[in-house]
Amino acid sequence: MTVHFPFQNTYSALPANFFARVAPTPVAAPRLIKLNRALAIHLGLDPDVLESPEGAEILAGKRLPDGADPIAMAYAGHQFGHFVPQLGDGRAILLGEVIDKDGVRRDIQLKGSGPTPFSRRGDGRAALGPVLREYIVSEAMFALGIPTTRSLAAVTSGERVQRETMLPGAVLTRVAASHIRVGTFQFFAARGDTDGVRQLADHVIARHYPDIGMAERPYHALLERVVARQADLVARWLPVGFIHGVMNTDNTSISGETIDYGPCAFMDEYNPAQVFSSIDEMGRYAYANQPRIALWNLTRLAECLLRLFSDDQDKAIEQAQFILGEFAEKFTAAYQAGLRRKIGLFTARDGDEALGAGPARRHGKEPGRLHPHVPPLGRRRRRCRQRQRPRPVHRSRRLR
């Protein structure tokens, strides 16, 4: 039986330093746990074929479909505020891209499909529990109308993986508008590779924001679009009580989708200081801090784009800070709209900012404290380059 994926790959056509070519590591005995049939149809795939033994082998990485061009993407990132100049897909492999029924290009990626050149000391595998969690939570977010990566399938591998204990292994087939992150831009900027930053920016514009391609200042417009999408995204998280848990720059999608569901959860009761990551001891990624962190991450993106803005660094910083300064207003408008929808109000009125004041004041945090201010811009990039041996943030804990 032939399993056909109508791949039309573009990212793998970029220069070789954008990724590493690597095939998934075959697993022992793949077995399909869950297939998202509706999503498969929307992607132009045959769900009946995917539910066959041959389909399960492809979804587990045991065999490659025709047209696949498997790669692990390179990126850097700030992890809990500490810059790591090289991270990359350590346990995920991008098979390729397809065009869905809406004409939107989608990545198809296998998560937990084996080690890559970016794995460091990791085994490149995933345990069943985190795979099922990402499947359930990402599809819940989609049903709630929140931009998110999707889950096409969950497959057990027939193997065990070593964490604190031995656990059943699994592979998630993840679908995304793209897997390009703030950390992808940081990967090139930290190396002083302005041409790489420009090539990446041009690719992002062509893929996600083609209408700004002919703009007078396309890179300024790119930052404006990413700021707007991230402001809207985090504003959608808060009314449903969602806490991402690990809002590192390498977990911040340029397309504006929620990505990388690790220690995430929905709050059962309002607590602005709530965290769900066992290593977030300082509350960096607490519920009420998520808008600030989103802006902090966007500021790191802006630093990467400065050389594309102007050869005059002071002028480039001024232009970037102006764009970043729009985040608070965009976030506030989207957040208040979400609160209105939540309680059944259909029109905006003066005083809407008080909608969330009751629970916030009961916890000693005024609602205005949710609104972030633009952090310092311009110097941090040089500090990041100077950090030669960054301290990784408990990678083994994040693999669970």
Protein backbone atom coordinates (compact mmCIF):
# COMPACT_ATOMS: atom_id res chain seq x y z
CA MET A 1 0.00 0.00 0.00
CA THR A 2 1.38 3.43 -0.98
CA VAL A 3 1.11 6.19 1.62
CA HIS A 4 1.17 9.48 -0.28
CA PHE A 5 2.05 12.83 1.23
CA PRO A 6 1.82 15.71 -1.29
CA PHE A 7 5.01 17.41 -0.09
CA GLN A 8 6.05 20.81 -1.43
CA ASN A 9 9.13 21.59 0.62
CA THR A 10 10.71 25.04 0.92
CA TYR A 11 12.62 25.20 4.21
CA SER A 12 14.92 22.36 3.20
CA ALA A 13 15.84 24.39 0.11
CA LEU A 14 17.42 27.09 2.30
CA PRO A 15 21.20 27.08 2.88
CA ALA A 16 22.67 24.08 4.67
CA ASN A 17 23.42 25.97 7.90
CA PHE A 18 19.67 26.36 8.55
CA PHE A 19 19.29 22.68 9.41
CA ALA A 20 20.87 19.25 9.54
CA ARG A 21 19.72 16.50 7.22
CA VAL A 22 18.86 13.46 9.31
CA ALA A 23 16.40 10.59 8.96
CA PRO A 24 14.19 9.34 11.79
CA THR A 25 15.54 6.38 13.73
CA PRO A 26 13.33 3.33 13.10
CA VAL A 27 11.38 2.01 16.07
CA ALA A 28 10.69 -1.59 16.99
CA ALA A 29 6.92 -2.04 16.78
CA PRO A 30 4.84 1.05 15.99
CA ARG A 31 1.18 0.98 16.93
CA LEU A 32 -1.31 3.76 16.23
CA ILE A 33 -2.96 5.13 19.36
CA LYS A 34 -4.93 7.99 17.86
CA LEU A 35 -5.30 9.51 14.38
CA ASN A 36 -6.88 12.92 13.87
CA ARG A 37 -8.96 11.94 10.86
CA ALA A 38 -10.49 15.38 10.29
CA LEU A 39 -7.05 16.99 10.26
CA ALA A 40 -5.71 14.31 7.94
CA ILE A 41 -8.47 15.04 5.42
CA HIS A 42 -7.84 18.79 5.74
CA LEU A 43 -4.18 18.17 4.90
CA GLY A 44 -5.11 16.17 1.79
CA LEU A 45 -4.11 12.84 3.34
CA ASP A 46 -6.04 9.57 3.30
CA PRO A 47 -6.96 8.68 6.90
CA ASP A 48 -7.75 5.08 6.04
CA VAL A 49 -4.25 4.61 4.67
CA LEU A 50 -2.71 6.33 7.69
CA GLU A 51 -4.55 3.90 9.96
CA SER A 52 -2.97 0.94 8.17
CA PRO A 53 0.21 -0.77 9.46
CA GLU A 54 2.19 1.03 6.74
CA GLY A 55 0.70 4.34 7.85
CA ALA A 56 1.65 3.68 11.46
CA GLU A 57 5.23 2.99 10.36
CA ILE A 58 5.40 6.38 8.64
CA LEU A 59 3.85 8.18 11.61
CA ALA A 60 6.46 6.56 13.86
CA GLY A 61 9.38 7.32 11.54
CA LYS A 62 10.07 3.69 10.70
CA ARG A 63 9.65 4.38 6.99
CA LEU A 64 9.65 7.60 4.96
CA PRO A 65 6.85 8.62 2.61
CA ASP A 66 7.71 9.55 -0.97
CA GLY A 67 8.85 13.15 -1.27
CA ALA A 68 9.96 13.50 2.34
CA ASP A 69 13.12 15.55 2.91
CA PRO A 70 13.77 14.99 6.63
CA ILE A 71 15.67 17.71 8.49
CA ALA A 72 16.30 18.90 12.04
CA MET A 73 16.06 22.68 12.25
CA ALA A 74 18.78 24.79 13.85
CA TYR A 75 17.95 27.48 16.40
CA ALA A 76 19.23 29.13 19.55
CA GLY A 77 17.26 30.56 22.46
CA HIS A 78 16.95 32.12 25.86
CA GLN A 79 15.99 29.40 28.35
CA PHE A 80 14.71 30.94 31.57
CA GLY A 81 16.58 34.13 30.63
CA HIS A 82 19.93 32.42 29.88
CA PHE A 83 21.12 32.46 26.29
CA VAL A 84 22.13 29.19 24.63
CA PRO A 85 23.65 29.85 21.18
CA GLN A 86 22.84 26.41 19.78
CA LEU A 87 19.78 24.33 20.58
CA GLY A 88 17.96 22.98 17.53
CA ASP A 89 15.56 20.09 17.06
CA GLY A 90 17.02 17.52 19.42
CA ARG A 91 14.18 15.01 19.13
CA ALA A 92 12.03 16.27 16.28
CA ILE A 93 12.43 15.81 12.54
CA LEU A 94 10.57 17.81 9.91
CA LEU A 95 9.41 15.44 7.17
CA GLY A 96 8.22 18.19 4.85
CA GLU A 97 5.48 20.65 3.99
CA VAL A 98 2.03 20.20 2.48
CA ILE A 99 -0.65 22.65 1.34
CA ASP A 100 -3.93 22.16 3.21
CA LYS A 101 -7.49 22.55 1.89
CA ASP A 102 -7.40 26.28 2.76
CA GLY A 103 -4.26 26.81 0.71
CA VAL A 104 -2.08 27.21 3.82
CA ARG A 105 1.38 25.63 3.92
CA ARG A 106 1.79 23.26 6.89
CA ASP A 107 4.82 21.54 8.36
CA ILE A 108 4.56 17.85 9.20
CA GLN A 109 7.02 16.97 11.94
CA LEU A 110 7.73 13.82 13.95
CA LYS A 111 8.44 14.52 17.61
CA GLY A 112 10.28 11.77 19.46
CA SER A 113 11.65 10.25 16.26
CA GLY A 114 15.25 9.77 17.37
CA PRO A 115 18.49 11.67 17.94
CA THR A 116 19.74 14.45 15.68
CA PRO A 117 22.98 16.45 15.56
CA PHE A 118 21.27 18.86 17.99
CA SER A 119 20.39 16.25 20.62
CA ARG A 120 23.42 16.92 22.84
CA ARG A 121 23.09 14.27 25.55
CA GLY A 122 19.42 13.49 24.84
CA ASP A 123 18.14 10.26 23.36
CA GLY A 124 15.86 11.95 20.84
CA ARG A 125 12.85 10.01 22.05
CA ALA A 126 9.57 10.92 23.75
CA ALA A 127 7.56 9.15 26.42
CA LEU A 128 3.91 8.29 25.89
CA GLY A 129 2.60 10.61 28.62
CA PRO A 130 3.96 13.88 27.15
CA VAL A 131 2.89 12.82 23.66
CA LEU A 132 -0.70 12.27 24.79
CA ARG A 133 -0.63 15.52 26.76
CA GLU A 134 0.44 17.53 23.72
CA TYR A 135 -2.14 15.79 21.55
CA ILE A 136 -4.97 16.54 23.98
CA VAL A 137 -3.98 20.07 24.95
CA SER A 138 -3.15 21.27 21.43
CA GLU A 139 -6.47 19.97 20.08
CA ALA A 140 -8.28 21.55 23.05
CA MET A 141 -6.64 24.88 22.24
CA PHE A 142 -7.73 24.53 18.61
CA ALA A 143 -11.31 23.83 19.72
CA LEU A 144 -11.16 26.95 21.92
CA GLY A 145 -10.23 29.05 18.88
CA ILE A 146 -6.66 29.74 20.04
CA PRO A 147 -3.89 29.65 17.41
CA THR A 148 -1.90 26.47 17.96
CA THR A 149 0.09 23.70 16.41
CA ARG A 150 -2.05 20.63 15.78
CA SER A 151 -1.65 16.92 16.44
CA LEU A 152 -2.16 14.54 13.56
CA ALA A 153 -1.32 11.27 15.30
CA ALA A 154 0.09 9.59 18.38
CA VAL A 155 1.93 6.29 17.92
CA THR A 156 3.59 4.03 20.46
CA SER A 157 7.04 2.85 19.47
CA GLY A 158 7.16 -0.59 21.07
CA GLU A 159 10.25 0.56 22.96
CA ARG A 160 10.98 1.90 26.44
CA VAL A 161 12.66 5.23 27.16
CA GLN A 162 14.75 6.06 30.21
CA ARG A 163 13.64 9.01 32.29
CA GLU A 164 13.44 8.90 36.09
CA THR A 165 12.01 5.45 35.40
CA MET A 166 11.54 3.36 32.27
CA LEU A 167 8.49 4.58 30.34
CA PRO A 168 6.72 3.51 27.14
CA GLY A 169 8.00 5.39 24.13
CA ALA A 170 5.85 7.24 21.60
CA VAL A 171 6.01 9.58 18.61
CA LEU A 172 3.76 12.59 17.98
CA THR A 173 3.05 13.81 14.46
CA ARG A 174 2.81 17.57 14.84
CA VAL A 175 1.39 19.98 12.27
CA ALA A 176 2.30 23.66 12.31
CA ALA A 177 2.09 26.75 10.13
CA SER A 178 5.87 26.55 10.54
CA HIS A 179 8.41 25.68 13.20
CA ILE A 180 10.34 28.95 12.84
CA ARG A 181 10.91 30.54 16.24
CA VAL A 182 12.38 33.70 17.72
CA GLY A 183 15.30 31.42 18.54
CA THR A 184 15.78 30.67 14.84
CA PHE A 185 16.59 34.33 14.25
CA GLN A 186 18.80 34.34 17.34
CA PHE A 187 20.81 31.44 15.94
CA PHE A 188 22.07 33.60 13.07
CA ALA A 189 22.21 36.92 14.90
CA ALA A 190 24.39 35.46 17.66
CA ARG A 191 26.91 34.44 15.00
CA GLY A 192 26.92 37.86 13.38
CA ASP A 193 25.40 36.28 10.26
CA THR A 194 23.35 39.20 8.91
CA ASP A 195 22.87 37.45 5.57
CA GLY A 196 21.37 34.47 7.42
CA VAL A 197 19.00 36.75 9.34
CA ARG A 198 17.98 38.40 6.07
CA GLN A 199 17.40 35.09 4.29
CA LEU A 200 15.32 33.84 7.19
CA ALA A 201 13.31 37.06 7.33
CA ASP A 202 12.66 36.90 3.58
CA HIS A 203 11.52 33.28 3.94
CA VAL A 204 9.18 34.16 6.81
CA ILE A 205 7.69 37.08 4.89
CA ALA A 206 7.09 34.93 1.81
CA ARG A 207 5.53 32.14 3.86
CA HIS A 208 3.56 33.91 6.57
CA TYR A 209 3.18 37.57 5.58
CA PRO A 210 3.36 37.75 1.77
CA ASP A 211 1.35 40.98 1.64
CA ILE A 212 4.26 42.93 3.17
CA GLY A 213 6.80 41.64 0.68
CA MET A 214 6.58 44.80 -1.39
CA ALA A 215 6.29 47.15 1.58
CA GLU A 216 8.67 50.12 1.74
CA ARG A 217 10.17 48.70 4.96
CA PRO A 218 9.38 44.97 4.91
CA TYR A 219 11.50 44.05 7.95
CA HIS A 220 9.85 46.71 10.08
CA ALA A 221 6.49 45.39 8.88
CA LEU A 222 7.59 41.86 9.79
CA LEU A 223 8.30 42.86 13.38
CA GLU A 224 4.94 44.69 13.50
CA ARG A 225 3.10 41.55 12.36
CA VAL A 226 4.86 39.24 14.81
CA VAL A 227 4.22 41.70 17.66
CA ALA A 228 0.54 41.84 16.75
CA ARG A 229 0.18 38.05 16.55
CA GLN A 230 1.97 37.42 19.84
CA ALA A 231 -0.09 40.09 21.61
CA ASP A 232 -3.29 38.48 20.33
CA LEU A 233 -2.08 34.97 21.19
CA VAL A 234 -1.22 35.65 24.83
CA ALA A 235 -4.41 37.68 25.22
CA ARG A 236 -6.33 34.55 24.16
CA TRP A 237 -4.46 32.39 26.67
CA LEU A 238 -5.41 34.41 29.73
CA PRO A 239 -9.24 34.26 29.62
CA VAL A 240 -9.12 30.45 29.52
CA GLY A 241 -6.54 30.26 32.32
CA PHE A 242 -3.81 28.75 30.14
CA ILE A 243 -0.24 28.73 31.41
CA HIS A 244 2.36 27.74 28.82
CA GLY A 245 5.00 26.94 31.42
CA VAL A 246 8.17 27.40 29.36
CA MET A 247 7.97 30.62 27.32
CA ASN A 248 11.58 30.50 26.19
CA THR A 249 12.45 32.31 22.97
CA ASP A 250 12.94 28.93 21.30
CA ASN A 251 9.30 28.16 22.20
CA THR A 252 7.97 31.40 20.66
CA SER A 253 6.60 30.85 17.16
CA ILE A 254 7.02 33.51 14.47
CA SER A 255 3.68 32.44 12.98
CA GLY A 256 1.83 33.30 16.21
CA GLU A 257 0.84 29.75 17.14
CA THR A 258 1.07 28.17 20.58
CA ILE A 259 3.91 25.68 20.31
CA ASP A 260 5.77 23.17 22.50
CA TYR A 261 3.34 21.92 25.13
CA GLY A 262 5.60 20.91 28.00
CA PRO A 263 4.64 21.65 31.62
CA CYS A 264 1.49 23.50 30.54
CA ALA A 265 -1.94 23.47 32.16
CA PHE A 266 -5.21 25.33 32.61
CA MET A 267 -5.82 26.91 36.01
CA ASP A 268 -8.78 25.57 37.97
CA GLU A 269 -9.03 28.79 39.99
CA TYR A 270 -7.58 32.24 39.46
CA ASN A 271 -4.08 32.74 40.81
CA PRO A 272 -1.87 35.26 38.98
CA ALA A 273 1.29 33.72 40.48
CA GLN A 274 0.44 30.17 39.36
CA VAL A 275 3.21 28.21 37.63
CA PHE A 276 3.22 24.62 36.39
CA SER A 277 6.88 24.04 35.56
CA SER A 278 8.73 22.29 38.36
CA ILE A 279 11.88 24.28 37.60
CA ASP A 280 10.23 27.73 37.44
CA GLU A 281 11.12 28.50 41.04
CA MET A 282 11.17 32.28 40.52
CA GLY A 283 7.82 32.45 38.70
CA ARG A 284 9.31 33.80 35.49
CA TYR A 285 6.56 32.15 33.43
CA ALA A 286 3.70 32.57 35.91
CA TYR A 287 0.19 33.18 34.57
CA ALA A 288 0.18 36.97 35.03
CA ASN A 289 3.75 37.35 33.80
CA GLN A 290 3.07 35.86 30.37
CA PRO A 291 2.37 39.19 28.61
CA ARG A 292 5.63 40.63 29.95
CA ILE A 293 7.58 37.59 28.84
CA ALA A 294 5.99 37.72 25.38
CA LEU A 295 7.23 41.30 25.01
CA TRP A 296 10.64 40.34 26.39
CA ASN A 297 10.88 37.61 23.75
CA LEU A 298 9.77 40.01 21.03
CA THR A 299 12.48 42.42 22.13
CA ARG A 300 15.02 39.68 21.55
CA LEU A 301 13.59 39.24 18.04
CA ALA A 302 13.86 42.98 17.45
CA GLU A 303 17.54 42.85 18.41
CA CYS A 304 18.10 40.26 15.69
CA LEU A 305 16.50 42.53 13.08
CA LEU A 306 18.31 45.76 13.96
CA ARG A 307 20.88 45.47 11.17
CA LEU A 308 18.08 45.00 8.66
CA PHE A 309 16.40 48.17 9.90
CA SER A 310 19.29 50.58 9.47
CA ASP A 311 23.08 50.82 9.46
CA ASP A 312 22.66 53.47 12.15
CA GLN A 313 22.19 51.40 15.31
CA ASP A 314 20.66 54.23 17.34
CA LYS A 315 18.12 54.85 14.59
CA ALA A 316 17.38 51.12 14.30
CA ILE A 317 16.84 50.85 18.07
CA GLU A 318 14.49 53.83 18.05
CA GLN A 319 12.44 52.30 15.23
CA ALA A 320 12.29 48.91 16.92
CA GLN A 321 11.26 50.36 20.27
CA PHE A 322 8.45 52.26 18.58
CA ILE A 323 7.09 49.00 17.15
CA LEU A 324 7.53 47.15 20.44
CA GLY A 325 5.73 49.99 22.18
CA GLU A 326 2.55 48.99 20.34
CA PHE A 327 2.42 45.62 22.09
CA ALA A 328 0.68 46.85 25.27
CA GLU A 329 -2.18 48.51 23.40
CA LYS A 330 -2.68 45.53 21.10
CA PHE A 331 -2.57 43.09 24.01
CA THR A 332 -4.99 45.17 26.12
CA ALA A 333 -7.52 45.45 23.31
CA ALA A 334 -7.41 41.72 22.59
CA TYR A 335 -7.50 40.78 26.29
CA GLN A 336 -10.53 42.96 27.00
CA ALA A 337 -12.29 41.57 23.94
CA GLY A 338 -11.66 38.08 25.29
CA LEU A 339 -13.09 38.98 28.68
CA ARG A 340 -16.18 40.47 27.05
CA ARG A 341 -16.74 37.29 25.04
CA LYS A 342 -16.29 35.21 28.15
CA ILE A 343 -19.13 36.93 30.02
CA GLY A 344 -21.39 37.47 27.01
CA LEU A 345 -20.85 41.17 26.23
CA PHE A 346 -20.89 42.01 22.54
CA THR A 347 -19.89 45.68 22.40
CA ALA A 348 -16.95 47.63 23.79
CA ARG A 349 -17.62 50.39 26.30
CA ASP A 350 -15.63 52.80 28.43
CA GLY A 351 -14.60 51.14 31.66
CA ASP A 352 -14.12 47.67 30.16
CA GLU A 353 -10.67 47.59 31.71
CA ALA A 354 -12.37 46.91 35.06
CA LEU A 355 -13.77 43.57 33.83
CA GLY A 356 -10.90 41.60 35.27
CA ALA A 357 -10.32 43.80 38.30
CA GLY A 358 -12.23 41.76 40.91
CA PRO A 359 -10.18 38.56 41.03
CA ALA A 360 -6.98 40.46 40.33
CA ARG A 361 -7.44 42.75 43.32
CA ARG A 362 -8.35 39.85 45.58
CA HIS A 363 -4.91 38.45 44.82
CA GLY A 364 -3.14 41.77 45.35
CA LYS A 365 -2.41 42.37 41.67
CA GLU A 366 -4.10 45.19 39.82
CA PRO A 367 -5.14 44.31 36.26
CA GLY A 368 -2.91 47.04 34.91
CA ARG A 369 0.08 45.08 36.17
CA LEU A 370 -0.57 42.60 33.38
CA HIS A 371 0.42 45.24 30.85
CA PRO A 372 4.13 45.05 30.04
CA HIS A 373 6.65 47.78 29.36
CA VAL A 374 9.29 47.59 26.65
CA PRO A 375 12.50 46.14 28.16
CA PRO A 376 15.96 47.51 27.28
CA LEU A 377 16.96 46.94 23.68
CA GLY A 378 20.30 46.78 21.94
CA ARG A 379 22.94 45.75 24.46
CA ARG A 380 21.78 42.23 25.28
CA ARG A 381 22.74 40.89 21.88
CA ARG A 382 26.42 41.67 22.53
CA ARG A 383 26.26 39.97 25.92
CA CYS A 384 24.76 36.89 24.29
CA ARG A 385 27.64 36.66 21.85
CA GLN A 386 30.16 36.84 24.66
CA ARG A 387 28.63 33.90 26.53
CA GLN A 388 30.82 31.07 25.26
CA ARG A 389 29.68 28.24 27.50
CA PRO A 390 26.06 28.89 28.49
CA ARG A 391 24.57 26.81 31.23
CA PRO A 392 21.72 24.65 29.87
CA VAL A 393 18.49 24.67 31.86
CA HIS A 394 17.93 21.21 33.26
CA ARG A 395 17.37 19.55 29.89
CA SER A 396 16.79 16.16 31.45
CA ARG A 397 13.87 17.49 33.44
CA ARG A 398 12.28 18.93 30.28
CA LEU A 399 12.40 15.59 28.46
CA ARG A 400 9.77 14.02 30.66
